[in-house]
PDB file of N, CA and C in Angstrom:
ATOM      1  N   UNK A   1     -21.908 -25.749   2.558  1.00  0.00           N
ATOM      2  CA  UNK A   1     -20.972 -24.807   2.027  1.00  0.00           C
ATOM      3  C   UNK A   1     -19.988 -24.942   0.765  1.00  0.00           C
ATOM      4  N   UNK A   2     -19.935 -24.756  -0.351  1.00  0.00           N
ATOM      5  CA  UNK A   2     -19.243 -24.969  -1.585  1.00  0.00           C
ATOM      6  C   UNK A   2     -17.572 -24.386  -1.044  1.00  0.00           C
ATOM      7  N   UNK A   3     -16.612 -24.930  -1.548  1.00  0.00           N
ATOM      8  CA  UNK A   3     -15.397 -24.724  -1.536  1.00  0.00           C
ATOM      9  C   UNK A   3     -14.748 -24.662  -2.873  1.00  0.00           C
ATOM     10  N   UNK A   4     -13.928 -23.407  -3.326  1.00  0.00           N
ATOM     11  CA  UNK A   4     -13.730 -23.231  -4.484  1.00  0.00           C
ATOM     12  C   UNK A   4     -12.176 -23.610  -4.643  1.00  0.00           C
ATOM     13  N   UNK A   5     -11.665 -24.644  -5.497  1.00  0.00           N
ATOM     14  CA  UNK A   5     -10.275 -24.507  -5.383  1.00  0.00           C
ATOM     15  C   UNK A   5      -9.968 -23.473  -6.625  1.00  0.00           C
ATOM     16  N   UNK A   6      -8.472 -22.665  -6.517  1.00  0.00           N
ATOM     17  CA  UNK A   6      -8.107 -21.896  -6.994  1.00  0.00           C
ATOM     18  C   UNK A   6      -6.480 -22.538  -7.890  1.00  0.00           C
ATOM     19  N   UNK A   7      -6.720 -22.311  -8.909  1.00  0.00           N
ATOM     20  CA  UNK A   7      -5.553 -22.959  -9.692  1.00  0.00           C
ATOM     21  C   UNK A   7      -3.845 -22.166  -8.916  1.00  0.00           C
ATOM     22  N   UNK A   8      -3.040 -22.892  -9.166  1.00  0.00           N
ATOM     23  CA  UNK A   8      -2.057 -21.915  -8.175  1.00  0.00           C
ATOM     24  C   UNK A   8      -1.310 -20.556  -9.028  1.00  0.00           C
ATOM     25  N   UNK A   9      -1.775 -20.812 -10.494  1.00  0.00           N
ATOM     26  CA  UNK A   9      -1.306 -19.752 -11.021  1.00  0.00           C
ATOM     27  C   UNK A   9      -2.498 -18.475 -11.134  1.00  0.00           C
ATOM     28  N   UNK A  10      -3.120 -18.874 -10.878  1.00  0.00           N
ATOM     29  CA  UNK A  10      -4.348 -18.085 -10.781  1.00  0.00           C
ATOM     30  C   UNK A  10      -4.161 -17.329  -9.413  1.00  0.00           C
ATOM     31  N   UNK A  11      -3.434 -18.126  -8.432  1.00  0.00           N
ATOM     32  CA  UNK A  11      -3.811 -17.781  -6.815  1.00  0.00           C
ATOM     33  C   UNK A  11      -2.806 -16.488  -7.182  1.00  0.00           C
ATOM     34  N   UNK A  12      -1.584 -16.612  -7.737  1.00  0.00           N
ATOM     35  CA  UNK A  12      -0.140 -16.379  -8.084  1.00  0.00           C
ATOM     36  C   UNK A  12      -0.777 -14.559  -8.665  1.00  0.00           C
ATOM     37  N   UNK A  13      -1.417 -14.603  -9.626  1.00  0.00           N
ATOM     38  CA  UNK A  13      -2.030 -13.621 -10.194  1.00  0.00           C
ATOM     39  C   UNK A  13      -2.949 -12.876  -9.178  1.00  0.00           C
ATOM     40  N   UNK A  14      -3.846 -13.485  -8.685  1.00  0.00           N
ATOM     41  CA  UNK A  14      -4.687 -12.639  -7.542  1.00  0.00           C
ATOM     42  C   UNK A  14      -3.493 -11.957  -6.509  1.00  0.00           C
ATOM     43  N   UNK A  15      -2.625 -12.595  -6.045  1.00  0.00           N
ATOM     44  CA  UNK A  15      -1.645 -11.821  -4.831  1.00  0.00           C
ATOM     45  C   UNK A  15      -1.164 -11.222  -5.503  1.00  0.00           C
ATOM     46  N   UNK A  16      -0.842 -10.757  -6.963  1.00  0.00           N
ATOM     47  CA  UNK A  16      -0.228  -9.731  -7.588  1.00  0.00           C
ATOM     48  C   UNK A  16      -1.085  -8.613  -7.737  1.00  0.00           C
ATOM     49  N   UNK A  17      -2.464  -8.815  -8.145  1.00  0.00           N
ATOM     50  CA  UNK A  17      -3.115  -7.945  -8.206  1.00  0.00           C
ATOM     51  C   UNK A  17      -3.805  -7.191  -6.828  1.00  0.00           C
ATOM     52  N   UNK A  18      -3.517  -8.231  -5.457  1.00  0.00           N
ATOM     53  CA  UNK A  18      -4.042  -7.827  -4.422  1.00  0.00           C
ATOM     54  C   UNK A  18      -2.785  -6.692  -4.114  1.00  0.00           C
ATOM     55  N   UNK A  19      -1.420  -6.682  -4.628  1.00  0.00           N
ATOM     56  CA  UNK A  19      -0.348  -6.035  -4.037  1.00  0.00           C
ATOM     57  C   UNK A  19      -0.620  -4.749  -5.016  1.00  0.00           C
ATOM     58  N   UNK A  20      -0.858  -4.772  -6.163  1.00  0.00           N
ATOM     59  CA  UNK A  20      -1.142  -3.844  -6.706  1.00  0.00           C
ATOM     60  C   UNK A  20      -2.063  -2.786  -6.415  1.00  0.00           C
ATOM     61  N   UNK A  21      -2.999  -3.147  -6.027  1.00  0.00           N
ATOM     62  CA  UNK A  21      -4.388  -2.538  -5.352  1.00  0.00           C
ATOM     63  C   UNK A  21      -3.592  -1.790  -3.771  1.00  0.00           C
ATOM     64  N   UNK A  22      -3.145  -2.384  -3.265  1.00  0.00           N
ATOM     65  CA  UNK A  22      -2.403  -2.167  -1.791  1.00  0.00           C
ATOM     66  C   UNK A  22      -1.646  -0.887  -2.099  1.00  0.00           C
ATOM     67  N   UNK A  23      -0.921  -1.105  -3.284  1.00  0.00           N
ATOM     68  CA  UNK A  23       0.020   0.255  -3.584  1.00  0.00           C
ATOM     69  C   UNK A  23      -0.897   1.256  -4.093  1.00  0.00           C
ATOM     70  N   UNK A  24      -1.753   1.005  -4.678  1.00  0.00           N
ATOM     71  CA  UNK A  24      -2.667   2.243  -5.329  1.00  0.00           C
ATOM     72  C   UNK A  24      -3.046   2.815  -4.177  1.00  0.00           C
ATOM     73  N   UNK A  25      -3.767   2.062  -2.931  1.00  0.00           N
ATOM     74  CA  UNK A  25      -4.225   2.879  -1.888  1.00  0.00           C
ATOM     75  C   UNK A  25      -3.249   3.709  -1.424  1.00  0.00           C
ATOM     76  N   UNK A  26      -1.793   3.356  -1.380  1.00  0.00           N
ATOM     77  CA  UNK A  26      -1.136   4.104  -0.550  1.00  0.00           C
ATOM     78  C   UNK A  26      -0.858   5.398  -1.231  1.00  0.00           C
ATOM     79  N   UNK A  27      -0.458   5.133  -2.671  1.00  0.00           N
ATOM     80  CA  UNK A  27      -0.450   6.026  -3.279  1.00  0.00           C
ATOM     81  C   UNK A  27      -1.617   7.163  -3.138  1.00  0.00           C
ATOM     82  N   UNK A  28      -2.613   7.049  -3.302  1.00  0.00           N
ATOM     83  CA  UNK A  28      -3.844   8.036  -3.147  1.00  0.00           C
ATOM     84  C   UNK A  28      -4.054   8.350  -2.163  1.00  0.00           C
ATOM     85  N   UNK A  29      -3.427   7.577  -0.655  1.00  0.00           N
ATOM     86  CA  UNK A  29      -3.523   8.408   0.230  1.00  0.00           C
ATOM     87  C   UNK A  29      -2.282   9.880   0.692  1.00  0.00           C
ATOM     88  N   UNK A  30      -1.443   9.331  -0.469  1.00  0.00           N
ATOM     89  CA  UNK A  30      -0.175  10.146  -0.243  1.00  0.00           C
ATOM     90  C   UNK A  30      -0.403  11.463  -1.277  1.00  0.00           C
ATOM     91  N   UNK A  31      -1.263  10.991  -2.328  1.00  0.00           N
ATOM     92  CA  UNK A  31      -1.086  11.755  -3.515  1.00  0.00           C
ATOM     93  C   UNK A  31      -1.366  13.571  -3.187  1.00  0.00           C
ATOM     94  N   UNK A  32      -1.952  13.896  -2.432  1.00  0.00           N
ATOM     95  CA  UNK A  32      -2.194  15.275  -2.608  1.00  0.00           C
ATOM     96  C   UNK A  32      -1.274  16.223  -1.345  1.00  0.00           C
ATOM     97  N   UNK A  33      -0.472  15.662  -0.923  1.00  0.00           N
ATOM     98  CA  UNK A  33       0.563  15.674   0.330  1.00  0.00           C
ATOM     99  C   UNK A  33       1.753  16.836  -0.829  1.00  0.00           C
ATOM    100  N   UNK A  34       1.949  18.211   0.167  1.00  0.00           N
ATOM    101  CA  UNK A  34       3.136  18.681  -0.603  1.00  0.00           C
ATOM    102  C   UNK A  34       4.373  18.577  -0.015  1.00  0.00           C
ATOM    103  N   UNK A  35       5.172  17.616  -0.598  1.00  0.00           N
ATOM    104  CA  UNK A  35       6.446  16.978   0.344  1.00  0.00           C
ATOM    105  C   UNK A  35       7.310  17.984  -0.083  1.00  0.00           C
ATOM    106  N   UNK A  36       7.338  18.869  -0.807  1.00  0.00           N
ATOM    107  CA  UNK A  36       8.434  19.897  -1.146  1.00  0.00           C
ATOM    108  C   UNK A  36       8.414  21.243   0.407  1.00  0.00           C
ATOM    109  N   UNK A  37       7.180  21.013   0.827  1.00  0.00           N
ATOM    110  CA  UNK A  37       6.639  22.331   2.049  1.00  0.00           C
ATOM    111  C   UNK A  37       7.571  21.936   3.570  1.00  0.00           C
ATOM    112  N   UNK A  38       8.780  22.445   3.337  1.00  0.00           N
ATOM    113  CA  UNK A  38       9.373  22.420   4.868  1.00  0.00           C
ATOM    114  C   UNK A  38       8.580  22.453   6.279  1.00  0.00           C
ATOM    115  N   UNK A  39       7.798  23.549   5.599  1.00  0.00           N
ATOM    116  CA  UNK A  39       7.115  23.925   6.901  1.00  0.00           C
ATOM    117  C   UNK A  39       5.889  22.535   7.373  1.00  0.00           C
ATOM    118  N   UNK A  40       5.878  21.651   6.558  1.00  0.00           N
ATOM    119  CA  UNK A  40       4.769  20.776   6.881  1.00  0.00           C
ATOM    120  C   UNK A  40       5.323  19.357   7.132  1.00  0.00           C
ATOM    121  N   UNK A  41       6.992  19.397   7.334  1.00  0.00           N
ATOM    122  CA  UNK A  41       7.630  18.281   7.440  1.00  0.00           C
ATOM    123  C   UNK A  41       7.464  17.306   9.049  1.00  0.00           C
ATOM    124  N   UNK A  42       6.990  16.114   8.894  1.00  0.00           N
ATOM    125  CA  UNK A  42       6.936  15.439   9.885  1.00  0.00           C
ATOM    126  C   UNK A  42       7.379  14.092   9.658  1.00  0.00           C
ATOM    127  N   UNK A  43       7.289  13.546  11.137  1.00  0.00           N
ATOM    128  CA  UNK A  43       8.172  11.735  10.922  1.00  0.00           C
ATOM    129  C   UNK A  43       7.298  11.082   9.760  1.00  0.00           C
ATOM    130  N   UNK A  44       7.941  10.036   9.645  1.00  0.00           N
ATOM    131  CA  UNK A  44       7.346   8.875   9.002  1.00  0.00           C
ATOM    132  C   UNK A  44       6.061   8.579   9.971  1.00  0.00           C
ATOM    133  N   UNK A  45       6.669   8.292  11.139  1.00  0.00           N
ATOM    134  CA  UNK A  45       5.686   7.035  11.944  1.00  0.00           C
ATOM    135  C   UNK A  45       4.489   8.211  12.456  1.00  0.00           C
ATOM    136  N   UNK A  46       4.556  10.097  12.320  1.00  0.00           N
ATOM    137  CA  UNK A  46       3.255  10.613  12.476  1.00  0.00           C
ATOM    138  C   UNK A  46       2.481  10.421  10.646  1.00  0.00           C
ATOM    139  N   UNK A  47       3.417  10.632   9.796  1.00  0.00           N
ATOM    140  CA  UNK A  47       2.951  10.766   8.248  1.00  0.00           C
ATOM    141  C   UNK A  47       1.604   9.427   8.235  1.00  0.00           C
ATOM    142  N   UNK A  48       2.120   8.106   8.780  1.00  0.00           N
ATOM    143  CA  UNK A  48       1.663   7.294   8.670  1.00  0.00           C
ATOM    144  C   UNK A  48       0.231   6.850   9.547  1.00  0.00           C
ATOM    145  N   UNK A  49       0.717   7.665  10.848  1.00  0.00           N
ATOM    146  CA  UNK A  49      -0.548   7.466  11.603  1.00  0.00           C
ATOM    147  C   UNK A  49      -1.828   8.663  11.173  1.00  0.00           C
ATOM    148  N   UNK A  50      -1.119   9.894  10.293  1.00  0.00           N
ATOM    149  CA  UNK A  50      -2.456  10.357   9.925  1.00  0.00           C
ATOM    150  C   UNK A  50      -3.216   9.936   8.482  1.00  0.00           C
ATOM    151  N   UNK A  51      -1.934   9.329   7.808  1.00  0.00           N
ATOM    152  CA  UNK A  51      -3.080   8.469   6.830  1.00  0.00           C
ATOM    153  C   UNK A  51      -3.439   7.361   7.104  1.00  0.00           C
ATOM    154  N   UNK A  52      -3.506   6.695   8.356  1.00  0.00           N
ATOM    155  CA  UNK A  52      -4.099   5.613   8.670  1.00  0.00           C
ATOM    156  C   UNK A  52      -3.220   4.327   7.945  1.00  0.00           C
ATOM    157  N   UNK A  53      -1.811   4.548   7.607  1.00  0.00           N
ATOM    158  CA  UNK A  53      -1.048   3.445   7.193  1.00  0.00           C
ATOM    159  C   UNK A  53      -0.518   2.784   8.471  1.00  0.00           C
ATOM    160  N   UNK A  54      -0.699   1.158   8.475  1.00  0.00           N
ATOM    161  CA  UNK A  54       0.188   0.744   9.546  1.00  0.00           C
ATOM    162  C   UNK A  54       1.442  -0.146   8.794  1.00  0.00           C
ATOM    163  N   UNK A  55       1.944  -0.715   9.576  1.00  0.00           N
ATOM    164  CA  UNK A  55       3.173  -1.569   9.073  1.00  0.00           C
ATOM    165  C   UNK A  55       2.757  -2.592   8.441  1.00  0.00           C
ATOM    166  N   UNK A  56       1.630  -3.112   8.580  1.00  0.00           N
ATOM    167  CA  UNK A  56       1.497  -4.492   8.185  1.00  0.00           C
ATOM    168  C   UNK A  56       0.677  -4.247   6.841  1.00  0.00           C
ATOM    169  N   UNK A  57       0.344  -2.792   6.800  1.00  0.00           N
ATOM    170  CA  UNK A  57       0.054  -2.352   5.288  1.00  0.00           C
ATOM    171  C   UNK A  57       0.715  -2.342   4.465  1.00  0.00           C
ATOM    172  N   UNK A  58       2.426  -1.973   5.007  1.00  0.00           N
ATOM    173  CA  UNK A  58       3.507  -1.503   4.226  1.00  0.00           C
ATOM    174  C   UNK A  58       4.090  -3.181   4.021  1.00  0.00           C
ATOM    175  N   UNK A  59       3.836  -4.304   4.847  1.00  0.00           N
ATOM    176  CA  UNK A  59       4.337  -5.315   4.474  1.00  0.00           C
ATOM    177  C   UNK A  59       3.826  -6.141   3.300  1.00  0.00           C
ATOM    178  N   UNK A  60       2.543  -6.120   3.529  1.00  0.00           N
ATOM    179  CA  UNK A  60       1.753  -6.244   2.282  1.00  0.00           C
ATOM    180  C   UNK A  60       1.876  -5.993   1.092  1.00  0.00           C
ATOM    181  N   UNK A  61       2.347  -4.399   0.786  1.00  0.00           N
ATOM    182  CA  UNK A  61       2.698  -4.061  -0.575  1.00  0.00           C
ATOM    183  C   UNK A  61       4.258  -4.364  -0.770  1.00  0.00           C
ATOM    184  N   UNK A  62       4.933  -4.523   0.383  1.00  0.00           N
ATOM    185  CA  UNK A  62       6.482  -4.869  -0.149  1.00  0.00           C
ATOM    186  C   UNK A  62       7.204  -3.413  -0.603  1.00  0.00           C
ATOM    187  N   UNK A  63       8.081  -3.813  -1.501  1.00  0.00           N
ATOM    188  CA  UNK A  63       9.098  -2.660  -1.827  1.00  0.00           C
ATOM    189  C   UNK A  63       8.743  -1.707  -3.009  1.00  0.00           C
ATOM    190  N   UNK A  64       8.171  -0.642  -2.159  1.00  0.00           N
ATOM    191  CA  UNK A  64       7.918   0.360  -3.211  1.00  0.00           C
ATOM    192  C   UNK A  64       8.483   1.285  -3.723  1.00  0.00           C
ATOM    193  N   UNK A  65       8.643   1.599  -5.065  1.00  0.00           N
ATOM    194  CA  UNK A  65       9.996   2.634  -5.657  1.00  0.00           C
ATOM    195  C   UNK A  65       8.909   3.783  -6.125  1.00  0.00           C
ATOM    196  N   UNK A  66       9.197   4.897  -6.149  1.00  0.00           N
ATOM    197  CA  UNK A  66       8.542   5.879  -6.586  1.00  0.00           C
ATOM    198  C   UNK A  66       9.779   6.620  -7.788  1.00  0.00           C
ATOM    199  N   UNK A  67       9.374   6.782  -8.760  1.00  0.00           N
ATOM    200  CA  UNK A  67      10.119   7.422 -10.395  1.00  0.00           C
ATOM    201  C   UNK A  67       9.848   8.855 -10.543  1.00  0.00           C
TER     202      UNK A  67
END
């Protein structure tokens, strides 16, 4: 089995791209929710469970800001 060496700069870029992909997945999961409909309010834990998002997923993505 051959081992591939990754340049530290390339590793940094790969990590950045993985973070973007993880953020994109989370954004897609919540894209179609109507967050202004008060009759549909649920807790953060319930929302995460419904969407299949774990605390580990959030840690991978880091701080996400919606503008």
